[in-house]
Amino acid sequence: MTTHVLLDLDGTLTDPGEGITKCVQYALKRLGEPVPDASELSWCIGPPLSESFSKLLFSTDGKLVGRAVELYRERYTTTGIYENVPYPGIDRAMGRIRESGRSLLLATSKPTVFAARVLDHFGFSRHFLGVHGSHLDGRLTNKVELVGHILSTRNLNPGNVMMVGDRLHDVEGGRQNGTSTAAVTYGYGSRNELEEAHPDHFFDSPEELALFFEAELLT
């Protein structure tokens, strides 16, 4: 039975679309690069920032990509972080999962310092046993490494853990570490992307997520 649930943040608990796309646009504009419309940047929500900027800038130049990330954070830390909306029903769903006896752990490629602020801002911190994100220098942005780090530091049995997220990276992060996996379809991963990732479960709403764990107790 699942004892610990690892939850992604962006696209799983909250919709950060406005803040992330505006911060990406800000960084590109400051660099003097072409600035795509916000509707063309939804794919940037979820993957590590350095990966997204490398694609946007058509460059693997670490200094250029690093500068783009710095500019992104210049706006994100004061404004973009709050241009964010919780998905309807997610707060209650997390409460129900906890009431079913599971422990929740945040597993996000977003830097821990920012992730913790988002949880505090929306009153979600009370649901979590721990908050695990990346470092500002880029360490642990890879979901496979992050999930492995959580399992190791928390001394968790992968067979009792489920990784839940809205993108391919989340599913791969769980699977490659031996956990069960679930994809939420209301976030930013396309149905095609998620089906190709082959998660163990699909959830179309926070309600379905909560119901799964409540039902698991009865089996």
N, C-alpha and C. Protein backbone atom coordinates (compact mmCIF):
# COMPACT_ATOMS: atom_id res chain seq x y z
N MET A 1 0.84 -1.20 0.00
CA MET A 1 0.00 0.00 0.00
C MET A 1 0.88 1.25 0.00
N THR A 2 0.39 2.28 -0.62
CA THR A 2 1.11 3.55 -0.67
C THR A 2 1.10 4.22 0.70
N THR A 3 2.29 4.56 1.18
CA THR A 3 2.40 5.26 2.46
C THR A 3 2.84 6.71 2.28
N HIS A 4 3.55 6.99 1.18
CA HIS A 4 4.04 8.34 0.93
C HIS A 4 3.71 8.74 -0.51
N VAL A 5 3.19 9.94 -0.66
CA VAL A 5 2.82 10.46 -1.97
C VAL A 5 3.71 11.67 -2.28
N LEU A 6 4.46 11.56 -3.37
CA LEU A 6 5.30 12.67 -3.82
C LEU A 6 4.50 13.49 -4.82
N LEU A 7 4.28 14.75 -4.53
CA LEU A 7 3.47 15.62 -5.39
C LEU A 7 4.34 16.67 -6.06
N ASP A 8 4.19 16.77 -7.37
CA ASP A 8 4.78 17.87 -8.13
C ASP A 8 4.03 19.15 -7.73
N LEU A 9 4.59 20.31 -8.07
CA LEU A 9 3.94 21.57 -7.71
C LEU A 9 3.27 22.23 -8.93
N ASP A 10 4.08 22.75 -9.85
CA ASP A 10 3.54 23.45 -11.01
C ASP A 10 2.78 22.49 -11.93
N GLY A 11 1.53 22.81 -12.18
CA GLY A 11 0.72 21.97 -13.05
C GLY A 11 0.04 20.81 -12.34
N THR A 12 0.33 20.66 -11.05
CA THR A 12 -0.28 19.58 -10.27
C THR A 12 -1.07 20.15 -9.09
N LEU A 13 -0.45 21.06 -8.35
CA LEU A 13 -1.14 21.72 -7.24
C LEU A 13 -1.65 23.10 -7.65
N THR A 14 -0.84 23.81 -8.42
CA THR A 14 -1.21 25.16 -8.84
C THR A 14 -0.96 25.36 -10.32
N ASP A 15 -1.69 26.34 -10.87
CA ASP A 15 -1.50 26.75 -12.26
C ASP A 15 -0.64 28.01 -12.27
N PRO A 16 0.66 27.86 -12.58
CA PRO A 16 1.58 28.99 -12.52
C PRO A 16 1.79 29.64 -13.88
N GLY A 17 0.87 29.35 -14.83
CA GLY A 17 1.08 29.75 -16.22
C GLY A 17 1.40 31.22 -16.42
N GLU A 18 0.61 32.10 -15.82
CA GLU A 18 0.81 33.53 -16.02
C GLU A 18 2.19 33.96 -15.55
N GLY A 19 2.55 33.57 -14.34
CA GLY A 19 3.82 34.00 -13.78
C GLY A 19 5.03 33.46 -14.55
N ILE A 20 5.01 32.19 -14.88
CA ILE A 20 6.15 31.59 -15.56
C ILE A 20 6.32 32.17 -16.96
N THR A 21 5.24 32.28 -17.73
CA THR A 21 5.39 32.78 -19.09
C THR A 21 5.81 34.25 -19.11
N LYS A 22 5.29 35.04 -18.19
CA LYS A 22 5.68 36.45 -18.14
C LYS A 22 7.15 36.60 -17.74
N CYS A 23 7.63 35.73 -16.87
CA CYS A 23 9.03 35.81 -16.45
C CYS A 23 9.96 35.34 -17.57
N VAL A 24 9.53 34.35 -18.32
CA VAL A 24 10.32 33.91 -19.48
C VAL A 24 10.39 35.05 -20.50
N GLN A 25 9.25 35.69 -20.76
CA GLN A 25 9.22 36.81 -21.70
C GLN A 25 10.12 37.95 -21.22
N TYR A 26 10.10 38.21 -19.93
CA TYR A 26 10.93 39.27 -19.35
C TYR A 26 12.41 38.99 -19.58
N ALA A 27 12.81 37.75 -19.33
CA ALA A 27 14.22 37.38 -19.50
C ALA A 27 14.65 37.50 -20.95
N LEU A 28 13.82 37.02 -21.86
CA LEU A 28 14.17 37.09 -23.28
C LEU A 28 14.26 38.53 -23.76
N LYS A 29 13.32 39.37 -23.30
CA LYS A 29 13.34 40.78 -23.68
C LYS A 29 14.60 41.46 -23.18
N ARG A 30 15.00 41.18 -21.94
CA ARG A 30 16.22 41.77 -21.37
C ARG A 30 17.46 41.33 -22.13
N LEU A 31 17.42 40.14 -22.69
CA LEU A 31 18.56 39.63 -23.46
C LEU A 31 18.54 40.11 -24.90
N GLY A 32 17.47 40.80 -25.30
CA GLY A 32 17.37 41.28 -26.66
C GLY A 32 17.00 40.19 -27.65
N GLU A 33 16.37 39.14 -27.14
CA GLU A 33 15.97 38.01 -27.98
C GLU A 33 14.50 38.13 -28.38
N PRO A 34 14.08 37.43 -29.45
CA PRO A 34 12.66 37.42 -29.82
C PRO A 34 11.81 36.93 -28.66
N VAL A 35 10.65 37.52 -28.47
CA VAL A 35 9.78 37.18 -27.35
C VAL A 35 8.50 36.53 -27.87
N PRO A 36 8.34 35.23 -27.70
CA PRO A 36 7.13 34.54 -28.16
C PRO A 36 5.91 34.99 -27.35
N ASP A 37 4.74 34.79 -27.92
CA ASP A 37 3.50 35.04 -27.21
C ASP A 37 3.38 34.04 -26.06
N ALA A 38 2.69 34.44 -25.02
CA ALA A 38 2.53 33.57 -23.85
C ALA A 38 1.94 32.21 -24.23
N SER A 39 1.05 32.19 -25.21
CA SER A 39 0.41 30.95 -25.61
C SER A 39 1.39 29.96 -26.22
N GLU A 40 2.55 30.45 -26.63
CA GLU A 40 3.57 29.59 -27.24
C GLU A 40 4.60 29.11 -26.22
N LEU A 41 4.40 29.46 -24.96
CA LEU A 41 5.40 29.14 -23.94
C LEU A 41 4.91 28.17 -22.87
N SER A 42 3.73 27.59 -23.06
CA SER A 42 3.20 26.69 -22.03
C SER A 42 4.07 25.47 -21.83
N TRP A 43 4.84 25.08 -22.85
CA TRP A 43 5.72 23.92 -22.72
C TRP A 43 6.86 24.18 -21.73
N CYS A 44 7.08 25.43 -21.38
CA CYS A 44 8.15 25.77 -20.41
C CYS A 44 7.73 25.49 -18.97
N ILE A 45 6.47 25.18 -18.76
CA ILE A 45 5.96 24.96 -17.41
C ILE A 45 6.16 23.50 -17.03
N GLY A 46 7.07 23.26 -16.11
CA GLY A 46 7.35 21.90 -15.67
C GLY A 46 8.81 21.53 -15.76
N PRO A 47 9.42 21.60 -16.96
CA PRO A 47 10.83 21.22 -17.09
C PRO A 47 11.75 22.20 -16.36
N PRO A 48 12.99 21.81 -16.09
CA PRO A 48 13.95 22.73 -15.48
C PRO A 48 14.12 23.98 -16.34
N LEU A 49 14.29 25.13 -15.70
CA LEU A 49 14.42 26.39 -16.42
C LEU A 49 15.58 26.38 -17.41
N SER A 50 16.72 25.83 -17.00
CA SER A 50 17.89 25.83 -17.87
C SER A 50 17.61 25.05 -19.15
N GLU A 51 16.85 23.99 -19.04
CA GLU A 51 16.49 23.19 -20.20
C GLU A 51 15.61 23.99 -21.14
N SER A 52 14.65 24.71 -20.58
CA SER A 52 13.73 25.50 -21.40
C SER A 52 14.47 26.65 -22.10
N PHE A 53 15.31 27.35 -21.37
CA PHE A 53 16.02 28.48 -21.97
C PHE A 53 17.04 28.02 -23.01
N SER A 54 17.63 26.86 -22.82
CA SER A 54 18.55 26.33 -23.81
C SER A 54 17.82 26.13 -25.14
N LYS A 55 16.57 25.65 -25.07
CA LYS A 55 15.78 25.46 -26.29
C LYS A 55 15.34 26.80 -26.87
N LEU A 56 14.91 27.72 -26.02
CA LEU A 56 14.44 29.02 -26.49
C LEU A 56 15.54 29.84 -27.14
N LEU A 57 16.76 29.68 -26.61
CA LEU A 57 17.90 30.46 -27.11
C LEU A 57 18.71 29.71 -28.15
N PHE A 58 18.29 28.47 -28.42
CA PHE A 58 19.04 27.63 -29.37
C PHE A 58 20.52 27.61 -29.01
N SER A 59 20.79 27.42 -27.72
CA SER A 59 22.16 27.51 -27.25
C SER A 59 22.43 26.57 -26.08
N THR A 60 23.64 26.05 -26.04
CA THR A 60 24.09 25.26 -24.89
C THR A 60 25.15 26.03 -24.10
N ASP A 61 25.29 27.30 -24.41
CA ASP A 61 26.24 28.17 -23.72
C ASP A 61 25.78 28.35 -22.27
N GLY A 62 26.52 27.76 -21.34
CA GLY A 62 26.14 27.80 -19.94
C GLY A 62 25.99 29.21 -19.39
N LYS A 63 26.87 30.12 -19.82
CA LYS A 63 26.81 31.50 -19.32
C LYS A 63 25.55 32.21 -19.81
N LEU A 64 25.21 32.01 -21.08
CA LEU A 64 24.02 32.65 -21.62
C LEU A 64 22.76 32.10 -20.97
N VAL A 65 22.68 30.78 -20.87
CA VAL A 65 21.51 30.16 -20.25
C VAL A 65 21.42 30.57 -18.78
N GLY A 66 22.56 30.59 -18.10
CA GLY A 66 22.58 31.00 -16.70
C GLY A 66 22.11 32.43 -16.52
N ARG A 67 22.49 33.31 -17.44
CA ARG A 67 22.05 34.71 -17.37
C ARG A 67 20.54 34.80 -17.57
N ALA A 68 20.00 33.98 -18.47
CA ALA A 68 18.56 33.97 -18.71
C ALA A 68 17.82 33.54 -17.45
N VAL A 69 18.35 32.54 -16.76
CA VAL A 69 17.73 32.07 -15.52
C VAL A 69 17.78 33.17 -14.46
N GLU A 70 18.90 33.89 -14.38
CA GLU A 70 19.03 34.99 -13.42
C GLU A 70 17.98 36.07 -13.68
N LEU A 71 17.81 36.42 -14.94
CA LEU A 71 16.83 37.46 -15.30
C LEU A 71 15.40 36.98 -15.01
N TYR A 72 15.13 35.72 -15.30
CA TYR A 72 13.82 35.14 -14.99
C TYR A 72 13.53 35.31 -13.49
N ARG A 73 14.49 34.94 -12.67
CA ARG A 73 14.29 35.00 -11.22
C ARG A 73 14.20 36.43 -10.70
N GLU A 74 14.79 37.37 -11.44
CA GLU A 74 14.72 38.78 -11.06
C GLU A 74 13.26 39.22 -10.96
N ARG A 75 12.45 38.78 -11.91
CA ARG A 75 11.03 39.13 -11.87
C ARG A 75 10.23 38.13 -11.05
N TYR A 76 10.61 36.86 -11.09
CA TYR A 76 9.84 35.82 -10.42
C TYR A 76 9.80 36.02 -8.91
N THR A 77 10.92 36.38 -8.31
CA THR A 77 11.00 36.45 -6.85
C THR A 77 10.10 37.53 -6.25
N THR A 78 9.79 38.56 -7.03
CA THR A 78 8.97 39.65 -6.49
C THR A 78 7.53 39.65 -7.01
N THR A 79 7.34 39.16 -8.22
CA THR A 79 6.03 39.26 -8.86
C THR A 79 5.51 37.93 -9.38
N GLY A 80 6.31 37.26 -10.19
CA GLY A 80 5.86 36.05 -10.87
C GLY A 80 5.42 34.93 -9.96
N ILE A 81 6.06 34.83 -8.81
CA ILE A 81 5.74 33.75 -7.87
C ILE A 81 4.28 33.81 -7.41
N TYR A 82 3.70 35.01 -7.41
CA TYR A 82 2.33 35.17 -6.94
C TYR A 82 1.31 35.20 -8.08
N GLU A 83 1.78 35.16 -9.32
CA GLU A 83 0.88 35.07 -10.47
C GLU A 83 0.57 33.58 -10.70
N ASN A 84 -0.18 33.04 -9.81
CA ASN A 84 -0.30 31.60 -9.63
C ASN A 84 -1.67 31.30 -9.00
N VAL A 85 -2.32 30.24 -9.43
CA VAL A 85 -3.66 29.94 -8.92
C VAL A 85 -3.77 28.45 -8.58
N PRO A 86 -4.25 28.11 -7.38
CA PRO A 86 -4.44 26.69 -7.03
C PRO A 86 -5.52 26.07 -7.91
N TYR A 87 -5.35 24.80 -8.24
CA TYR A 87 -6.39 24.10 -8.99
C TYR A 87 -7.59 23.87 -8.08
N PRO A 88 -8.79 24.03 -8.60
CA PRO A 88 -10.00 23.84 -7.79
C PRO A 88 -10.03 22.45 -7.16
N GLY A 89 -10.23 22.43 -5.85
CA GLY A 89 -10.36 21.17 -5.14
C GLY A 89 -9.07 20.55 -4.66
N ILE A 90 -7.91 21.13 -5.00
CA ILE A 90 -6.65 20.48 -4.65
C ILE A 90 -6.37 20.57 -3.14
N ASP A 91 -6.76 21.66 -2.51
CA ASP A 91 -6.52 21.79 -1.07
C ASP A 91 -7.29 20.71 -0.31
N ARG A 92 -8.55 20.54 -0.63
CA ARG A 92 -9.36 19.51 0.04
C ARG A 92 -8.85 18.12 -0.30
N ALA A 93 -8.43 17.91 -1.54
CA ALA A 93 -7.91 16.60 -1.93
C ALA A 93 -6.69 16.22 -1.10
N MET A 94 -5.79 17.17 -0.90
CA MET A 94 -4.60 16.88 -0.09
C MET A 94 -4.99 16.55 1.35
N GLY A 95 -5.99 17.27 1.86
CA GLY A 95 -6.45 16.98 3.21
C GLY A 95 -7.02 15.57 3.31
N ARG A 96 -7.76 15.16 2.31
CA ARG A 96 -8.34 13.81 2.32
C ARG A 96 -7.27 12.73 2.20
N ILE A 97 -6.25 12.99 1.42
CA ILE A 97 -5.16 12.02 1.29
C ILE A 97 -4.45 11.86 2.63
N ARG A 98 -4.22 12.97 3.30
CA ARG A 98 -3.59 12.90 4.63
C ARG A 98 -4.50 12.16 5.61
N GLU A 99 -5.80 12.43 5.54
CA GLU A 99 -6.75 11.78 6.43
C GLU A 99 -6.80 10.27 6.20
N SER A 100 -6.41 9.85 4.99
CA SER A 100 -6.39 8.42 4.68
C SER A 100 -5.13 7.75 5.22
N GLY A 101 -4.27 8.54 5.87
CA GLY A 101 -3.09 7.98 6.52
C GLY A 101 -1.79 8.11 5.74
N ARG A 102 -1.83 8.76 4.58
CA ARG A 102 -0.61 8.93 3.80
C ARG A 102 0.13 10.20 4.19
N SER A 103 1.44 10.18 3.96
CA SER A 103 2.26 11.38 4.16
C SER A 103 2.53 12.00 2.80
N LEU A 104 2.45 13.32 2.73
CA LEU A 104 2.70 14.03 1.48
C LEU A 104 4.07 14.69 1.51
N LEU A 105 4.79 14.56 0.39
CA LEU A 105 6.09 15.20 0.22
C LEU A 105 6.07 15.96 -1.09
N LEU A 106 6.51 17.20 -1.08
CA LEU A 106 6.58 17.94 -2.32
C LEU A 106 7.84 17.53 -3.07
N ALA A 107 7.71 17.31 -4.37
CA ALA A 107 8.85 16.93 -5.22
C ALA A 107 8.80 17.78 -6.47
N THR A 108 9.53 18.89 -6.48
CA THR A 108 9.46 19.85 -7.58
C THR A 108 10.86 20.24 -8.05
N SER A 109 10.99 20.49 -9.34
CA SER A 109 12.27 20.95 -9.86
C SER A 109 12.45 22.45 -9.59
N LYS A 110 11.41 23.11 -9.10
CA LYS A 110 11.52 24.50 -8.68
C LYS A 110 12.44 24.57 -7.45
N PRO A 111 13.28 25.60 -7.32
CA PRO A 111 14.11 25.72 -6.12
C PRO A 111 13.28 25.65 -4.84
N THR A 112 13.78 24.93 -3.86
CA THR A 112 13.05 24.73 -2.61
C THR A 112 12.61 26.04 -1.98
N VAL A 113 13.48 27.04 -2.02
CA VAL A 113 13.17 28.32 -1.39
C VAL A 113 11.92 28.96 -2.00
N PHE A 114 11.73 28.81 -3.31
CA PHE A 114 10.54 29.36 -3.96
C PHE A 114 9.33 28.47 -3.73
N ALA A 115 9.54 27.15 -3.81
CA ALA A 115 8.43 26.22 -3.61
C ALA A 115 7.81 26.39 -2.23
N ALA A 116 8.66 26.57 -1.21
CA ALA A 116 8.16 26.75 0.15
C ALA A 116 7.32 28.02 0.26
N ARG A 117 7.73 29.06 -0.44
CA ARG A 117 6.97 30.32 -0.42
C ARG A 117 5.60 30.15 -1.07
N VAL A 118 5.55 29.37 -2.15
CA VAL A 118 4.27 29.13 -2.82
C VAL A 118 3.32 28.37 -1.89
N LEU A 119 3.84 27.33 -1.25
CA LEU A 119 3.01 26.55 -0.33
C LEU A 119 2.51 27.43 0.82
N ASP A 120 3.38 28.25 1.37
CA ASP A 120 2.98 29.14 2.46
C ASP A 120 1.92 30.13 2.00
N HIS A 121 2.12 30.67 0.81
CA HIS A 121 1.21 31.69 0.27
C HIS A 121 -0.23 31.16 0.16
N PHE A 122 -0.37 29.90 -0.23
CA PHE A 122 -1.70 29.33 -0.41
C PHE A 122 -2.17 28.52 0.79
N GLY A 123 -1.39 28.49 1.85
CA GLY A 123 -1.79 27.76 3.05
C GLY A 123 -1.68 26.26 2.89
N PHE A 124 -0.83 25.80 1.97
CA PHE A 124 -0.69 24.37 1.71
C PHE A 124 0.37 23.70 2.57
N SER A 125 1.20 24.47 3.22
CA SER A 125 2.35 23.89 3.96
C SER A 125 1.90 22.89 5.01
N ARG A 126 0.74 23.09 5.57
CA ARG A 126 0.25 22.22 6.64
C ARG A 126 0.06 20.78 6.17
N HIS A 127 -0.07 20.58 4.88
CA HIS A 127 -0.31 19.24 4.35
C HIS A 127 0.98 18.40 4.24
N PHE A 128 2.14 19.05 4.24
CA PHE A 128 3.36 18.37 3.84
C PHE A 128 4.30 17.98 4.98
N LEU A 129 4.76 16.74 4.88
CA LEU A 129 5.79 16.25 5.80
C LEU A 129 7.13 16.89 5.47
N GLY A 130 7.35 17.21 4.20
CA GLY A 130 8.60 17.84 3.79
C GLY A 130 8.49 18.46 2.42
N VAL A 131 9.35 19.43 2.15
CA VAL A 131 9.39 20.12 0.86
C VAL A 131 10.74 19.86 0.21
N HIS A 132 10.72 19.22 -0.94
CA HIS A 132 11.96 18.88 -1.65
C HIS A 132 11.95 19.51 -3.03
N GLY A 133 12.92 20.37 -3.28
CA GLY A 133 13.06 20.99 -4.58
C GLY A 133 14.52 21.01 -5.00
N SER A 134 14.82 21.84 -5.96
CA SER A 134 16.19 21.93 -6.45
C SER A 134 16.95 23.00 -5.68
N HIS A 135 18.25 23.09 -5.99
CA HIS A 135 19.09 24.15 -5.44
C HIS A 135 19.16 25.29 -6.44
N LEU A 136 19.47 26.48 -5.98
CA LEU A 136 19.55 27.63 -6.88
C LEU A 136 20.65 27.47 -7.92
N ASP A 137 21.65 26.64 -7.62
CA ASP A 137 22.73 26.42 -8.58
C ASP A 137 22.41 25.35 -9.62
N GLY A 138 21.19 24.82 -9.58
CA GLY A 138 20.77 23.86 -10.59
C GLY A 138 20.79 22.41 -10.16
N ARG A 139 21.36 22.12 -9.02
CA ARG A 139 21.37 20.73 -8.56
C ARG A 139 19.96 20.27 -8.22
N LEU A 140 19.69 19.00 -8.57
CA LEU A 140 18.42 18.32 -8.30
C LEU A 140 17.24 18.87 -9.12
N THR A 141 17.53 19.56 -10.24
CA THR A 141 16.42 19.94 -11.12
C THR A 141 15.91 18.73 -11.90
N ASN A 142 16.77 17.74 -12.10
CA ASN A 142 16.38 16.53 -12.80
C ASN A 142 15.48 15.70 -11.89
N LYS A 143 14.29 15.33 -12.36
CA LYS A 143 13.33 14.64 -11.50
C LYS A 143 13.80 13.24 -11.08
N VAL A 144 14.55 12.57 -11.92
CA VAL A 144 15.07 11.26 -11.55
C VAL A 144 16.01 11.41 -10.35
N GLU A 145 16.90 12.38 -10.42
CA GLU A 145 17.83 12.63 -9.31
C GLU A 145 17.09 13.10 -8.07
N LEU A 146 16.09 13.95 -8.26
CA LEU A 146 15.35 14.49 -7.12
C LEU A 146 14.60 13.39 -6.37
N VAL A 147 13.87 12.56 -7.11
CA VAL A 147 13.12 11.48 -6.46
C VAL A 147 14.07 10.51 -5.77
N GLY A 148 15.19 10.20 -6.42
CA GLY A 148 16.17 9.33 -5.79
C GLY A 148 16.70 9.93 -4.50
N HIS A 149 16.92 11.22 -4.51
CA HIS A 149 17.40 11.93 -3.31
C HIS A 149 16.37 11.86 -2.19
N ILE A 150 15.11 12.05 -2.53
CA ILE A 150 14.05 11.99 -1.51
C ILE A 150 13.96 10.61 -0.89
N LEU A 151 13.97 9.59 -1.73
CA LEU A 151 13.88 8.21 -1.23
C LEU A 151 15.05 7.89 -0.32
N SER A 152 16.23 8.34 -0.71
CA SER A 152 17.44 8.05 0.07
C SER A 152 17.45 8.79 1.39
N THR A 153 17.20 10.10 1.36
CA THR A 153 17.28 10.90 2.58
C THR A 153 16.15 10.58 3.55
N ARG A 154 15.01 10.16 3.01
CA ARG A 154 13.86 9.82 3.85
C ARG A 154 13.82 8.34 4.21
N ASN A 155 14.75 7.58 3.61
CA ASN A 155 14.81 6.13 3.84
C ASN A 155 13.47 5.46 3.54
N LEU A 156 12.95 5.74 2.34
CA LEU A 156 11.64 5.23 1.95
C LEU A 156 11.77 4.01 1.05
N ASN A 157 10.85 3.08 1.19
CA ASN A 157 10.76 1.93 0.31
C ASN A 157 10.02 2.36 -0.95
N PRO A 158 10.66 2.33 -2.14
CA PRO A 158 10.01 2.78 -3.37
C PRO A 158 8.68 2.09 -3.63
N GLY A 159 8.54 0.85 -3.17
CA GLY A 159 7.30 0.11 -3.39
C GLY A 159 6.11 0.68 -2.65
N ASN A 160 6.37 1.56 -1.69
CA ASN A 160 5.30 2.18 -0.91
C ASN A 160 5.11 3.65 -1.25
N VAL A 161 5.71 4.07 -2.36
CA VAL A 161 5.70 5.49 -2.74
C VAL A 161 5.07 5.67 -4.12
N MET A 162 4.29 6.74 -4.28
CA MET A 162 3.76 7.10 -5.59
C MET A 162 4.20 8.51 -5.94
N MET A 163 4.70 8.69 -7.16
CA MET A 163 5.05 10.01 -7.67
C MET A 163 3.90 10.50 -8.55
N VAL A 164 3.40 11.70 -8.26
CA VAL A 164 2.26 12.26 -8.97
C VAL A 164 2.65 13.59 -9.61
N GLY A 165 2.43 13.71 -10.91
CA GLY A 165 2.74 14.96 -11.59
C GLY A 165 2.04 15.08 -12.91
N ASP A 166 2.26 16.19 -13.60
CA ASP A 166 1.54 16.45 -14.84
C ASP A 166 2.41 16.36 -16.09
N ARG A 167 3.70 16.02 -15.93
CA ARG A 167 4.58 15.98 -17.09
C ARG A 167 5.36 14.67 -17.16
N LEU A 168 5.92 14.44 -18.34
CA LEU A 168 6.75 13.26 -18.59
C LEU A 168 7.85 13.12 -17.55
N HIS A 169 8.47 14.25 -17.18
CA HIS A 169 9.58 14.23 -16.23
C HIS A 169 9.17 13.62 -14.89
N ASP A 170 7.93 13.88 -14.47
CA ASP A 170 7.45 13.37 -13.19
C ASP A 170 7.31 11.85 -13.23
N VAL A 171 6.72 11.37 -14.31
CA VAL A 171 6.53 9.92 -14.46
C VAL A 171 7.88 9.20 -14.53
N GLU A 172 8.79 9.75 -15.32
CA GLU A 172 10.11 9.13 -15.44
C GLU A 172 10.86 9.17 -14.11
N GLY A 173 10.72 10.27 -13.39
CA GLY A 173 11.39 10.39 -12.10
C GLY A 173 10.97 9.31 -11.13
N GLY A 174 9.67 8.99 -11.13
CA GLY A 174 9.19 7.93 -10.26
C GLY A 174 9.57 6.56 -10.76
N ARG A 175 9.30 6.29 -12.04
CA ARG A 175 9.54 4.96 -12.57
C ARG A 175 11.01 4.54 -12.44
N GLN A 176 11.92 5.43 -12.79
CA GLN A 176 13.34 5.06 -12.75
C GLN A 176 13.86 4.86 -11.33
N ASN A 177 13.06 5.24 -10.36
CA ASN A 177 13.43 5.00 -8.96
C ASN A 177 12.59 3.91 -8.32
N GLY A 178 11.75 3.26 -9.11
CA GLY A 178 10.99 2.12 -8.62
C GLY A 178 9.70 2.43 -7.91
N THR A 179 9.21 3.68 -7.97
CA THR A 179 7.94 4.00 -7.33
C THR A 179 6.80 3.76 -8.31
N SER A 180 5.58 3.71 -7.82
CA SER A 180 4.44 3.74 -8.72
C SER A 180 4.29 5.18 -9.20
N THR A 181 3.56 5.38 -10.29
CA THR A 181 3.47 6.71 -10.88
C THR A 181 2.04 7.05 -11.27
N ALA A 182 1.74 8.34 -11.24
CA ALA A 182 0.41 8.81 -11.65
C ALA A 182 0.57 10.12 -12.39
N ALA A 183 -0.22 10.29 -13.44
CA ALA A 183 -0.23 11.53 -14.21
C ALA A 183 -1.57 12.22 -14.04
N VAL A 184 -1.54 13.51 -13.72
CA VAL A 184 -2.77 14.28 -13.67
C VAL A 184 -2.95 14.96 -15.02
N THR A 185 -4.16 14.89 -15.56
CA THR A 185 -4.40 15.37 -16.92
C THR A 185 -4.87 16.81 -16.98
N TYR A 186 -5.05 17.45 -15.81
CA TYR A 186 -5.55 18.82 -15.80
C TYR A 186 -4.42 19.84 -15.81
N GLY A 187 -3.16 19.37 -15.84
CA GLY A 187 -2.02 20.28 -15.82
C GLY A 187 -1.54 20.64 -17.22
N TYR A 188 -0.20 20.68 -17.39
CA TYR A 188 0.37 21.18 -18.64
C TYR A 188 0.90 20.10 -19.58
N GLY A 189 0.94 18.87 -19.15
CA GLY A 189 1.37 17.80 -20.04
C GLY A 189 0.24 17.42 -20.98
N SER A 190 0.53 17.30 -22.27
CA SER A 190 -0.52 16.89 -23.20
C SER A 190 -0.88 15.43 -22.96
N ARG A 191 -2.06 15.05 -23.41
CA ARG A 191 -2.48 13.66 -23.24
C ARG A 191 -1.51 12.72 -23.95
N ASN A 192 -1.04 13.15 -25.12
CA ASN A 192 -0.10 12.33 -25.88
C ASN A 192 1.20 12.15 -25.11
N GLU A 193 1.71 13.23 -24.54
CA GLU A 193 2.95 13.15 -23.75
C GLU A 193 2.78 12.20 -22.58
N LEU A 194 1.66 12.30 -21.90
CA LEU A 194 1.44 11.48 -20.71
C LEU A 194 1.22 10.01 -21.08
N GLU A 195 0.51 9.75 -22.16
CA GLU A 195 0.29 8.37 -22.57
C GLU A 195 1.60 7.70 -22.98
N GLU A 196 2.47 8.46 -23.62
CA GLU A 196 3.77 7.91 -24.02
C GLU A 196 4.66 7.63 -22.81
N ALA A 197 4.39 8.33 -21.70
CA ALA A 197 5.17 8.11 -20.49
C ALA A 197 4.75 6.84 -19.76
N HIS A 198 3.54 6.34 -20.05
CA HIS A 198 3.01 5.10 -19.46
C HIS A 198 2.99 5.11 -17.92
N PRO A 199 2.30 6.09 -17.32
CA PRO A 199 2.16 6.07 -15.86
C PRO A 199 1.27 4.91 -15.43
N ASP A 200 1.33 4.55 -14.18
CA ASP A 200 0.48 3.48 -13.67
C ASP A 200 -0.97 3.93 -13.55
N HIS A 201 -1.18 5.22 -13.34
CA HIS A 201 -2.53 5.73 -13.15
C HIS A 201 -2.68 7.09 -13.83
N PHE A 202 -3.92 7.40 -14.23
CA PHE A 202 -4.29 8.72 -14.73
C PHE A 202 -5.38 9.28 -13.82
N PHE A 203 -5.27 10.57 -13.49
CA PHE A 203 -6.30 11.23 -12.71
C PHE A 203 -6.70 12.51 -13.43
N ASP A 204 -7.99 12.66 -13.65
CA ASP A 204 -8.49 13.82 -14.38
C ASP A 204 -8.85 15.00 -13.49
N SER A 205 -8.77 14.82 -12.18
CA SER A 205 -9.11 15.90 -11.26
C SER A 205 -8.52 15.60 -9.88
N PRO A 206 -8.37 16.63 -9.04
CA PRO A 206 -7.93 16.38 -7.67
C PRO A 206 -8.87 15.44 -6.93
N GLU A 207 -10.16 15.52 -7.24
CA GLU A 207 -11.14 14.63 -6.62
C GLU A 207 -10.81 13.17 -6.90
N GLU A 208 -10.48 12.85 -8.15
CA GLU A 208 -10.14 11.48 -8.50
C GLU A 208 -8.88 11.02 -7.76
N LEU A 209 -7.94 11.93 -7.60
CA LEU A 209 -6.71 11.61 -6.87
C LEU A 209 -7.03 11.21 -5.44
N ALA A 210 -7.85 12.00 -4.77
CA ALA A 210 -8.23 11.71 -3.39
C ALA A 210 -9.01 10.40 -3.29
N LEU A 211 -9.94 10.19 -4.21
CA LEU A 211 -10.75 8.98 -4.19
C LEU A 211 -9.90 7.72 -4.34
N PHE A 212 -8.84 7.80 -5.13
CA PHE A 212 -7.98 6.65 -5.33
C PHE A 212 -7.39 6.16 -4.00
N PHE A 213 -6.86 7.09 -3.23
CA PHE A 213 -6.21 6.70 -1.98
C PHE A 213 -7.23 6.26 -0.92
N GLU A 214 -8.41 6.86 -0.96
CA GLU A 214 -9.46 6.42 -0.04
C GLU A 214 -9.90 5.00 -0.39
N ALA A 215 -10.01 4.71 -1.69
CA ALA A 215 -10.43 3.38 -2.13
C ALA A 215 -9.36 2.34 -1.87
N GLU A 216 -8.09 2.76 -1.94
CA GLU A 216 -6.99 1.82 -1.74
C GLU A 216 -7.04 1.22 -0.34
N LEU A 217 -7.58 1.97 0.61
CA LEU A 217 -7.69 1.46 1.98
C LEU A 217 -8.66 0.30 2.08
N LEU A 218 -9.59 0.21 1.11
CA LEU A 218 -10.64 -0.79 1.18
C LEU A 218 -10.27 -2.08 0.45
N THR A 219 -9.11 -2.05 -0.25
CA THR A 219 -8.72 -3.23 -1.03
C THR A 219 -7.70 -4.09 -0.28
